[in-house]
Amino acid sequence: MPGKLDGKVALITGATSGIGKATALLFAAEGAAVVFSGRRVALGKAVEAELRQRGAQVLFVETDHTQSADCARLVASALGAFGKIDILFNNAGIVTKGTAETTTEADWAQTLAVNVTAVWRMCKLVIPELRKNGGGAIVNNASDWAVVGGKGALPYAASKGAVAQMTKSMALDHAHENIRVNAVCPGDTLVDRWLEKGYFEHSDPVTLEEAMTESAAYLPLGRFGLPEEIARAALFLASDDSSFVTGHLLLVDGGNTAQ
């Protein structure tokens, strides 16, 4: 059976683990050549090796998305390896906690640099390449907190709200060029950081079972999402299955925003 992304080249940021890694694996399984970035080189090389073992065309590029030169090098590497870019998944991001009073200047600046400025920068670099191809797809990773407030996470929620508005504005700016721009908006998803010290207001790391019990108390579906579930939503927005969809915020949040 042909894959949904046969013949496509997908560029995925922040794909050494979690949602990014799951999306890289899925896009490759659907026939795409995958270029992905990350700061953790050992993990990036491991994901690259795993994809090669599966027969995928893949390239890992170490990238700090707060640096414009790194972003430009990433795009140049993708073009050098595969000659084009058809899909951009802006997945790289950080979660920062804090209220207006407790957020530091450094945390605010870093959150905007990674979650907002880097998304704009990657789109600015990739849109001309999509135009050369006669169109393409951009998928931004926003959050359910892009559309509802996030208690105790002001910088993160603000940054994801900005991503939502960037998504809609770019969709309008480039629809006439057959460049579709959408965002996937995950709710709480079981990635490594949720088990670390400090999440769920715990002073110590939590187990998977504890995390799932905690999530059952407030999510209508009674559990965290899985990275693979977010990846499937990203695939829909990146593929021709969503050929008449642009400017959309696709909530994949276990019902959180319906409450």
C-alpha atoms as a PDB file:
ATOM      1  CA  MET A   1       0.000   0.000   0.000  1.00  0.00           C
ATOM      2  CA  PRO A   2       1.335   3.460  -0.837  1.00  0.00           C
ATOM      3  CA  GLY A   3       2.094   5.705   2.098  1.00  0.00           C
ATOM      4  CA  LYS A   4       0.289   8.978   2.721  1.00  0.00           C
ATOM      5  CA  LEU A   5       3.588  10.856   2.369  1.00  0.00           C
ATOM      6  CA  ASP A   6       5.273   8.961  -0.461  1.00  0.00           C
ATOM      7  CA  GLY A   7       7.781  11.174  -2.253  1.00  0.00           C
ATOM      8  CA  LYS A   8       7.577  13.921   0.362  1.00  0.00           C
ATOM      9  CA  VAL A   9      10.395  15.424   2.397  1.00  0.00           C
ATOM     10  CA  ALA A  10       9.415  16.306   5.962  1.00  0.00           C
ATOM     11  CA  LEU A  11      11.399  18.579   8.264  1.00  0.00           C
ATOM     12  CA  ILE A  12      10.596  18.034  11.950  1.00  0.00           C
ATOM     13  CA  THR A  13      12.058  20.169  14.732  1.00  0.00           C
ATOM     14  CA  GLY A  14      12.737  18.795  18.187  1.00  0.00           C
ATOM     15  CA  ALA A  15      12.349  15.126  17.339  1.00  0.00           C
ATOM     16  CA  THR A  16      14.835  13.330  19.550  1.00  0.00           C
ATOM     17  CA  SER A  17      12.058  12.119  21.882  1.00  0.00           C
ATOM     18  CA  GLY A  18       8.364  12.390  22.694  1.00  0.00           C
ATOM     19  CA  ILE A  19       5.918  13.742  20.118  1.00  0.00           C
ATOM     20  CA  GLY A  20       8.667  14.697  17.686  1.00  0.00           C
ATOM     21  CA  LYS A  21      10.205  11.231  17.665  1.00  0.00           C
ATOM     22  CA  ALA A  22       6.806   9.545  17.310  1.00  0.00           C
ATOM     23  CA  THR A  23       6.016  11.828  14.376  1.00  0.00           C
ATOM     24  CA  ALA A  24       9.351  11.150  12.699  1.00  0.00           C
ATOM     25  CA  LEU A  25       8.741   7.402  12.942  1.00  0.00           C
ATOM     26  CA  LEU A  26       5.197   7.727  11.597  1.00  0.00           C
ATOM     27  CA  PHE A  27       6.074  10.082   8.744  1.00  0.00           C
ATOM     28  CA  ALA A  28       8.884   7.756   7.684  1.00  0.00           C
ATOM     29  CA  ALA A  29       6.537   4.759   7.828  1.00  0.00           C
ATOM     30  CA  GLU A  30       4.190   6.681   5.533  1.00  0.00           C
ATOM     31  CA  GLY A  31       6.935   7.125   2.945  1.00  0.00           C
ATOM     32  CA  ALA A  32       8.502  10.488   3.739  1.00  0.00           C
ATOM     33  CA  ALA A  33      12.184  11.254   3.818  1.00  0.00           C
ATOM     34  CA  VAL A  34      12.693  12.784   7.260  1.00  0.00           C
ATOM     35  CA  VAL A  35      15.093  15.491   8.384  1.00  0.00           C
ATOM     36  CA  PHE A  36      14.874  16.221  12.094  1.00  0.00           C
ATOM     37  CA  SER A  37      16.579  18.430  14.624  1.00  0.00           C
ATOM     38  CA  GLY A  38      17.382  18.430  18.310  1.00  0.00           C
ATOM     39  CA  ARG A  39      19.953  19.540  20.839  1.00  0.00           C
ATOM     40  CA  ARG A  40      20.592  16.115  22.400  1.00  0.00           C
ATOM     41  CA  VAL A  41      23.039  14.566  19.965  1.00  0.00           C
ATOM     42  CA  ALA A  42      23.172  11.062  21.449  1.00  0.00           C
ATOM     43  CA  LEU A  43      19.389  10.742  21.339  1.00  0.00           C
ATOM     44  CA  GLY A  44      19.267  12.220  17.850  1.00  0.00           C
ATOM     45  CA  LYS A  45      21.798   9.739  16.532  1.00  0.00           C
ATOM     46  CA  ALA A  46      19.873   6.890  18.163  1.00  0.00           C
ATOM     47  CA  VAL A  47      16.613   7.940  16.498  1.00  0.00           C
ATOM     48  CA  GLU A  48      18.439   8.353  13.194  1.00  0.00           C
ATOM     49  CA  ALA A  49      19.859   4.835  13.491  1.00  0.00           C
ATOM     50  CA  GLU A  50      16.445   3.406  14.376  1.00  0.00           C
ATOM     51  CA  LEU A  51      14.887   4.998  11.301  1.00  0.00           C
ATOM     52  CA  ARG A  52      17.679   3.759   9.044  1.00  0.00           C
ATOM     53  CA  GLN A  53      17.157   0.234  10.373  1.00  0.00           C
ATOM     54  CA  ARG A  54      13.535   0.576   9.268  1.00  0.00           C
ATOM     55  CA  GLY A  55      14.674   1.491   5.771  1.00  0.00           C
ATOM     56  CA  ALA A  56      13.892   5.199   6.000  1.00  0.00           C
ATOM     57  CA  GLN A  57      15.716   8.060   4.343  1.00  0.00           C
ATOM     58  CA  VAL A  58      16.681  10.209   7.298  1.00  0.00           C
ATOM     59  CA  LEU A  59      19.055  12.926   8.466  1.00  0.00           C
ATOM     60  CA  PHE A  60      19.580  14.255  11.994  1.00  0.00           C
ATOM     61  CA  VAL A  61      20.950  17.782  12.373  1.00  0.00           C
ATOM     62  CA  GLU A  62      21.986  19.126  15.773  1.00  0.00           C
ATOM     63  CA  THR A  63      20.189  22.456  16.111  1.00  0.00           C
ATOM     64  CA  ASP A  64      19.654  25.185  18.678  1.00  0.00           C
ATOM     65  CA  HIS A  65      16.498  26.859  17.413  1.00  0.00           C
ATOM     66  CA  THR A  66      17.201  30.043  19.337  1.00  0.00           C
ATOM     67  CA  GLN A  67      20.078  30.666  16.907  1.00  0.00           C
ATOM     68  CA  SER A  68      19.179  31.913  13.426  1.00  0.00           C
ATOM     69  CA  ALA A  69      22.364  30.457  11.931  1.00  0.00           C
ATOM     70  CA  ASP A  70      21.466  27.002  13.254  1.00  0.00           C
ATOM     71  CA  CYS A  71      17.980  27.201  11.736  1.00  0.00           C
ATOM     72  CA  ALA A  72      19.408  28.262   8.379  1.00  0.00           C
ATOM     73  CA  ARG A  73      21.933  25.415   8.519  1.00  0.00           C
ATOM     74  CA  LEU A  74      19.138  22.931   9.256  1.00  0.00           C
ATOM     75  CA  VAL A  75      17.141  24.021   6.211  1.00  0.00           C
ATOM     76  CA  ALA A  76      20.267  24.021   4.033  1.00  0.00           C
ATOM     77  CA  SER A  77      21.105  20.501   5.234  1.00  0.00           C
ATOM     78  CA  ALA A  78      17.629  19.264   4.335  1.00  0.00           C
ATOM     79  CA  LEU A  79      17.876  20.767   0.867  1.00  0.00           C
ATOM     80  CA  GLY A  80      21.377  19.415   0.406  1.00  0.00           C
ATOM     81  CA  ALA A  81      20.313  15.906   1.348  1.00  0.00           C
ATOM     82  CA  PHE A  82      16.964  15.666  -0.423  1.00  0.00           C
ATOM     83  CA  GLY A  83      16.653  18.675  -2.726  1.00  0.00           C
ATOM     84  CA  LYS A  84      13.337  19.999  -1.413  1.00  0.00           C
ATOM     85  CA  ILE A  85      11.058  20.388   1.597  1.00  0.00           C
ATOM     86  CA  ASP A  86       7.345  19.564   1.394  1.00  0.00           C
ATOM     87  CA  ILE A  87       6.337  19.506   5.060  1.00  0.00           C
ATOM     88  CA  LEU A  88       7.463  21.464   8.109  1.00  0.00           C
ATOM     89  CA  PHE A  89       6.435  20.305  11.578  1.00  0.00           C
ATOM     90  CA  ASN A  90       7.411  22.942  14.133  1.00  0.00           C
ATOM     91  CA  ASN A  91       7.502  20.701  17.166  1.00  0.00           C
ATOM     92  CA  ALA A  92      10.452  22.002  19.212  1.00  0.00           C
ATOM     93  CA  GLY A  93       9.346  23.727  22.373  1.00  0.00           C
ATOM     94  CA  ILE A  94       9.804  24.105  26.111  1.00  0.00           C
ATOM     95  CA  VAL A  95       7.372  24.167  29.037  1.00  0.00           C
ATOM     96  CA  THR A  96       7.899  26.969  31.533  1.00  0.00           C
ATOM     97  CA  LYS A  97       5.927  27.400  34.732  1.00  0.00           C
ATOM     98  CA  GLY A  98       5.214  30.635  36.567  1.00  0.00           C
ATOM     99  CA  THR A  99       2.712  33.405  37.175  1.00  0.00           C
ATOM    100  CA  ALA A 100       3.149  37.031  36.118  1.00  0.00           C
ATOM    101  CA  GLU A 101       4.927  37.644  39.426  1.00  0.00           C
ATOM    102  CA  THR A 102       7.106  34.552  39.619  1.00  0.00           C
ATOM    103  CA  THR A 103       8.227  34.324  35.997  1.00  0.00           C
ATOM    104  CA  THR A 104      11.762  35.607  35.611  1.00  0.00           C
ATOM    105  CA  GLU A 105      13.000  37.797  32.781  1.00  0.00           C
ATOM    106  CA  ALA A 106      15.237  34.938  31.656  1.00  0.00           C
ATOM    107  CA  ASP A 107      12.424  32.369  31.621  1.00  0.00           C
ATOM    108  CA  TRP A 108      10.123  34.713  29.705  1.00  0.00           C
ATOM    109  CA  ALA A 109      12.767  35.478  27.084  1.00  0.00           C
ATOM    110  CA  GLN A 110      13.782  31.844  26.666  1.00  0.00           C
ATOM    111  CA  THR A 111      10.179  30.651  26.314  1.00  0.00           C
ATOM    112  CA  LEU A 112       9.404  33.181  23.607  1.00  0.00           C
ATOM    113  CA  ALA A 113      12.705  32.483  21.847  1.00  0.00           C
ATOM    114  CA  VAL A 114      12.039  28.737  21.589  1.00  0.00           C
ATOM    115  CA  ASN A 115       8.247  28.559  21.342  1.00  0.00           C
ATOM    116  CA  VAL A 116       7.490  31.638  19.237  1.00  0.00           C
ATOM    117  CA  THR A 117      10.495  33.201  17.514  1.00  0.00           C
ATOM    118  CA  ALA A 118      11.899  29.853  16.373  1.00  0.00           C
ATOM    119  CA  VAL A 119       8.544  28.900  14.835  1.00  0.00           C
ATOM    120  CA  TRP A 120       8.430  32.170  12.903  1.00  0.00           C
ATOM    121  CA  ARG A 121      12.060  31.758  11.875  1.00  0.00           C
ATOM    122  CA  MET A 122      11.571  28.226  10.537  1.00  0.00           C
ATOM    123  CA  CYS A 123       8.454  29.259   8.612  1.00  0.00           C
ATOM    124  CA  LYS A 124      10.286  32.238   7.128  1.00  0.00           C
ATOM    125  CA  LEU A 125      13.043  29.925   5.894  1.00  0.00           C
ATOM    126  CA  VAL A 126      10.819  27.109   4.618  1.00  0.00           C
ATOM    127  CA  ILE A 127       7.922  28.974   2.976  1.00  0.00           C
ATOM    128  CA  PRO A 128      10.024  29.956  -0.080  1.00  0.00           C
ATOM    129  CA  GLU A 129      10.912  26.288  -0.564  1.00  0.00           C
ATOM    130  CA  LEU A 130       7.257  25.233  -0.346  1.00  0.00           C
ATOM    131  CA  ARG A 131       6.394  27.919  -2.885  1.00  0.00           C
ATOM    132  CA  LYS A 132       8.961  26.463  -5.312  1.00  0.00           C
ATOM    133  CA  ASN A 133       7.162  23.109  -5.065  1.00  0.00           C
ATOM    134  CA  GLY A 134       3.775  24.627  -5.820  1.00  0.00           C
ATOM    135  CA  GLY A 135       2.627  24.275  -2.229  1.00  0.00           C
ATOM    136  CA  GLY A 136       3.086  22.274   0.929  1.00  0.00           C
ATOM    137  CA  ALA A 137       2.060  21.915   4.537  1.00  0.00           C
ATOM    138  CA  ILE A 138       3.183  23.526   7.760  1.00  0.00           C
ATOM    139  CA  VAL A 139       2.054  22.024  11.054  1.00  0.00           C
ATOM    140  CA  ASN A 140       2.785  23.914  14.254  1.00  0.00           C
ATOM    141  CA  ASN A 141       2.698  22.255  17.656  1.00  0.00           C
ATOM    142  CA  ALA A 142       0.584  24.529  19.835  1.00  0.00           C
ATOM    143  CA  SER A 143      -1.308  23.281  22.918  1.00  0.00           C
ATOM    144  CA  ASP A 144      -4.772  23.065  24.385  1.00  0.00           C
ATOM    145  CA  TRP A 145      -3.500  25.992  26.460  1.00  0.00           C
ATOM    146  CA  ALA A 146      -3.392  27.983  23.225  1.00  0.00           C
ATOM    147  CA  VAL A 147      -7.181  28.295  23.480  1.00  0.00           C
ATOM    148  CA  VAL A 148      -7.821  28.136  27.253  1.00  0.00           C
ATOM    149  CA  GLY A 149      -5.888  29.562  30.158  1.00  0.00           C
ATOM    150  CA  GLY A 150      -3.121  27.627  31.840  1.00  0.00           C
ATOM    151  CA  LYS A 151      -2.884  28.084  35.598  1.00  0.00           C
ATOM    152  CA  GLY A 152       0.648  28.589  36.837  1.00  0.00           C
ATOM    153  CA  ALA A 153       2.151  28.483  33.349  1.00  0.00           C
ATOM    154  CA  LEU A 154       1.824  32.024  32.061  1.00  0.00           C
ATOM    155  CA  PRO A 155       4.882  32.120  29.765  1.00  0.00           C
ATOM    156  CA  TYR A 156       4.066  28.763  28.199  1.00  0.00           C
ATOM    157  CA  ALA A 157       0.370  29.517  27.667  1.00  0.00           C
ATOM    158  CA  ALA A 158       1.162  32.950  26.244  1.00  0.00           C
ATOM    159  CA  SER A 159       3.688  31.485  23.837  1.00  0.00           C
ATOM    160  CA  LYS A 160       1.270  28.841  22.589  1.00  0.00           C
ATOM    161  CA  GLY A 161      -1.461  31.448  22.149  1.00  0.00           C
ATOM    162  CA  ALA A 162       0.986  33.287  19.930  1.00  0.00           C
ATOM    163  CA  VAL A 163       1.595  30.104  17.922  1.00  0.00           C
ATOM    164  CA  ALA A 164      -2.161  29.772  17.368  1.00  0.00           C
ATOM    165  CA  GLN A 165      -2.420  33.300  15.997  1.00  0.00           C
ATOM    166  CA  MET A 166       0.700  32.863  13.859  1.00  0.00           C
ATOM    167  CA  THR A 167      -0.874  29.726  12.420  1.00  0.00           C
ATOM    168  CA  LYS A 168      -4.082  31.498  11.422  1.00  0.00           C
ATOM    169  CA  SER A 169      -2.298  34.551  10.035  1.00  0.00           C
ATOM    170  CA  MET A 170       0.145  32.515   7.944  1.00  0.00           C
ATOM    171  CA  ALA A 171      -2.707  30.361   6.680  1.00  0.00           C
ATOM    172  CA  LEU A 172      -4.401  33.485   5.317  1.00  0.00           C
ATOM    173  CA  ASP A 173      -1.180  34.936   3.919  1.00  0.00           C
ATOM    174  CA  HIS A 174      -0.253  31.824   1.950  1.00  0.00           C
ATOM    175  CA  ALA A 175      -3.492  30.032   1.081  1.00  0.00           C
ATOM    176  CA  HIS A 176      -3.329  31.402  -2.478  1.00  0.00           C
ATOM    177  CA  GLU A 177       0.019  29.645  -2.871  1.00  0.00           C
ATOM    178  CA  ASN A 178      -1.396  26.259  -1.855  1.00  0.00           C
ATOM    179  CA  ILE A 179       0.608  26.409   1.374  1.00  0.00           C
ATOM    180  CA  ARG A 180      -1.572  25.104   4.176  1.00  0.00           C
ATOM    181  CA  VAL A 181      -0.761  26.104   7.750  1.00  0.00           C
ATOM    182  CA  ASN A 182      -2.420  24.338  10.678  1.00  0.00           C
ATOM    183  CA  ALA A 183      -1.667  23.553  14.303  1.00  0.00           C
ATOM    184  CA  VAL A 184      -2.056  20.449  16.390  1.00  0.00           C
ATOM    185  CA  CYS A 185      -3.021  21.328  19.967  1.00  0.00           C
ATOM    186  CA  PRO A 186      -2.118  18.485  22.328  1.00  0.00           C
ATOM    187  CA  GLY A 187      -3.421  18.178  25.822  1.00  0.00           C
ATOM    188  CA  ASP A 188      -1.341  16.493  28.499  1.00  0.00           C
ATOM    189  CA  THR A 189       0.713  13.890  26.670  1.00  0.00           C
ATOM    190  CA  LEU A 190       2.826  11.199  28.291  1.00  0.00           C
ATOM    191  CA  VAL A 191       6.325  12.345  27.461  1.00  0.00           C
ATOM    192  CA  ASP A 192       9.414  12.005  29.620  1.00  0.00           C
ATOM    193  CA  ARG A 193       9.128  15.365  31.370  1.00  0.00           C
ATOM    194  CA  TRP A 194       5.811  14.438  32.990  1.00  0.00           C
ATOM    195  CA  LEU A 195       7.604  11.875  35.148  1.00  0.00           C
ATOM    196  CA  GLU A 196      10.295  14.298  36.299  1.00  0.00           C
ATOM    197  CA  LYS A 197      10.665  16.081  39.603  1.00  0.00           C
ATOM    198  CA  GLY A 198       8.433  19.119  39.916  1.00  0.00           C
ATOM    199  CA  TYR A 199       5.530  18.139  37.648  1.00  0.00           C
ATOM    200  CA  PHE A 200       2.115  17.527  39.183  1.00  0.00           C
ATOM    201  CA  GLU A 201       3.388  19.731  42.028  1.00  0.00           C
ATOM    202  CA  HIS A 202       5.299  16.759  43.433  1.00  0.00           C
ATOM    203  CA  SER A 203       8.722  17.283  44.979  1.00  0.00           C
ATOM    204  CA  ASP A 204      10.005  13.958  43.646  1.00  0.00           C
ATOM    205  CA  PRO A 205       9.760  12.167  40.299  1.00  0.00           C
ATOM    206  CA  VAL A 206       6.555  10.213  39.821  1.00  0.00           C
ATOM    207  CA  THR A 207       5.959   6.789  38.339  1.00  0.00           C
ATOM    208  CA  LEU A 208       3.965   6.117  35.200  1.00  0.00           C
ATOM    209  CA  GLU A 209       1.143   4.687  37.326  1.00  0.00           C
ATOM    210  CA  GLU A 210       1.059   7.800  39.512  1.00  0.00           C
ATOM    211  CA  ALA A 211       0.982  10.055  36.464  1.00  0.00           C
ATOM    212  CA  MET A 212      -1.901   8.157  34.935  1.00  0.00           C
ATOM    213  CA  THR A 213      -3.842   8.266  38.218  1.00  0.00           C
ATOM    214  CA  GLU A 214      -3.276  12.006  38.432  1.00  0.00           C
ATOM    215  CA  SER A 215      -4.491  12.570  34.866  1.00  0.00           C
ATOM    216  CA  ALA A 216      -7.609  10.455  35.389  1.00  0.00           C
ATOM    217  CA  ALA A 217      -8.839  12.966  37.933  1.00  0.00           C
ATOM    218  CA  TYR A 218      -9.186  15.849  35.477  1.00  0.00           C
ATOM    219  CA  LEU A 219      -9.189  14.557  31.886  1.00  0.00           C
ATOM    220  CA  PRO A 220     -12.568  13.361  30.548  1.00  0.00           C
ATOM    221  CA  LEU A 221     -11.001  10.370  28.792  1.00  0.00           C
ATOM    222  CA  GLY A 222      -9.320   9.471  32.065  1.00  0.00           C
ATOM    223  CA  ARG A 223      -5.714   9.279  30.894  1.00  0.00           C
ATOM    224  CA  PHE A 224      -2.856  11.112  29.279  1.00  0.00           C
ATOM    225  CA  GLY A 225      -2.511  11.111  25.533  1.00  0.00           C
ATOM    226  CA  LEU A 226       0.300   9.167  23.918  1.00  0.00           C
ATOM    227  CA  PRO A 227       2.910  10.702  21.599  1.00  0.00           C
ATOM    228  CA  GLU A 228       1.744   8.351  18.842  1.00  0.00           C
ATOM    229  CA  GLU A 229      -1.780   9.794  19.081  1.00  0.00           C
ATOM    230  CA  ILE A 230      -0.492  13.328  18.576  1.00  0.00           C
ATOM    231  CA  ALA A 231       1.661  12.089  15.690  1.00  0.00           C
ATOM    232  CA  ARG A 232      -1.406  10.718  13.916  1.00  0.00           C
ATOM    233  CA  ALA A 233      -3.080  14.123  14.189  1.00  0.00           C
ATOM    234  CA  ALA A 234       0.045  15.766  12.765  1.00  0.00           C
ATOM    235  CA  LEU A 235      -0.002  13.245   9.909  1.00  0.00           C
ATOM    236  CA  PHE A 236      -3.571  14.194   9.055  1.00  0.00           C
ATOM    237  CA  LEU A 237      -2.644  17.876   8.859  1.00  0.00           C
ATOM    238  CA  ALA A 238       0.540  17.183   6.888  1.00  0.00           C
ATOM    239  CA  SER A 239      -1.042  14.855   4.334  1.00  0.00           C
ATOM    240  CA  ASP A 240      -3.533  15.281   1.518  1.00  0.00           C
ATOM    241  CA  ASP A 241      -6.207  13.889   3.847  1.00  0.00           C
ATOM    242  CA  SER A 242      -6.547  17.510   5.019  1.00  0.00           C
ATOM    243  CA  SER A 243      -6.226  19.119   1.578  1.00  0.00           C
ATOM    244  CA  PHE A 244      -9.122  21.547   2.266  1.00  0.00           C
ATOM    245  CA  VAL A 245      -8.006  22.427   5.793  1.00  0.00           C
ATOM    246  CA  THR A 246      -5.946  25.501   6.641  1.00  0.00           C
ATOM    247  CA  GLY A 247      -5.817  27.880   9.587  1.00  0.00           C
ATOM    248  CA  HIS A 248      -7.200  25.158  11.855  1.00  0.00           C
ATOM    249  CA  LEU A 249      -6.325  24.386  15.474  1.00  0.00           C
ATOM    250  CA  LEU A 250      -6.805  20.647  15.907  1.00  0.00           C
ATOM    251  CA  LEU A 251      -7.390  19.883  19.592  1.00  0.00           C
ATOM    252  CA  VAL A 252      -6.115  16.476  20.676  1.00  0.00           C
ATOM    253  CA  ASP A 253      -6.646  16.873  24.393  1.00  0.00           C
ATOM    254  CA  GLY A 254      -8.747  14.038  25.790  1.00  0.00           C
ATOM    255  CA  GLY A 255     -11.708  16.379  26.106  1.00  0.00           C
ATOM    256  CA  ASN A 256      -9.939  18.882  28.373  1.00  0.00           C
ATOM    257  CA  THR A 257     -11.164  22.011  26.576  1.00  0.00           C
ATOM    258  CA  ALA A 258     -14.738  20.708  26.345  1.00  0.00           C
ATOM    259  CA  GLN A 259     -15.168  21.033  30.104  1.00  0.00           C
END
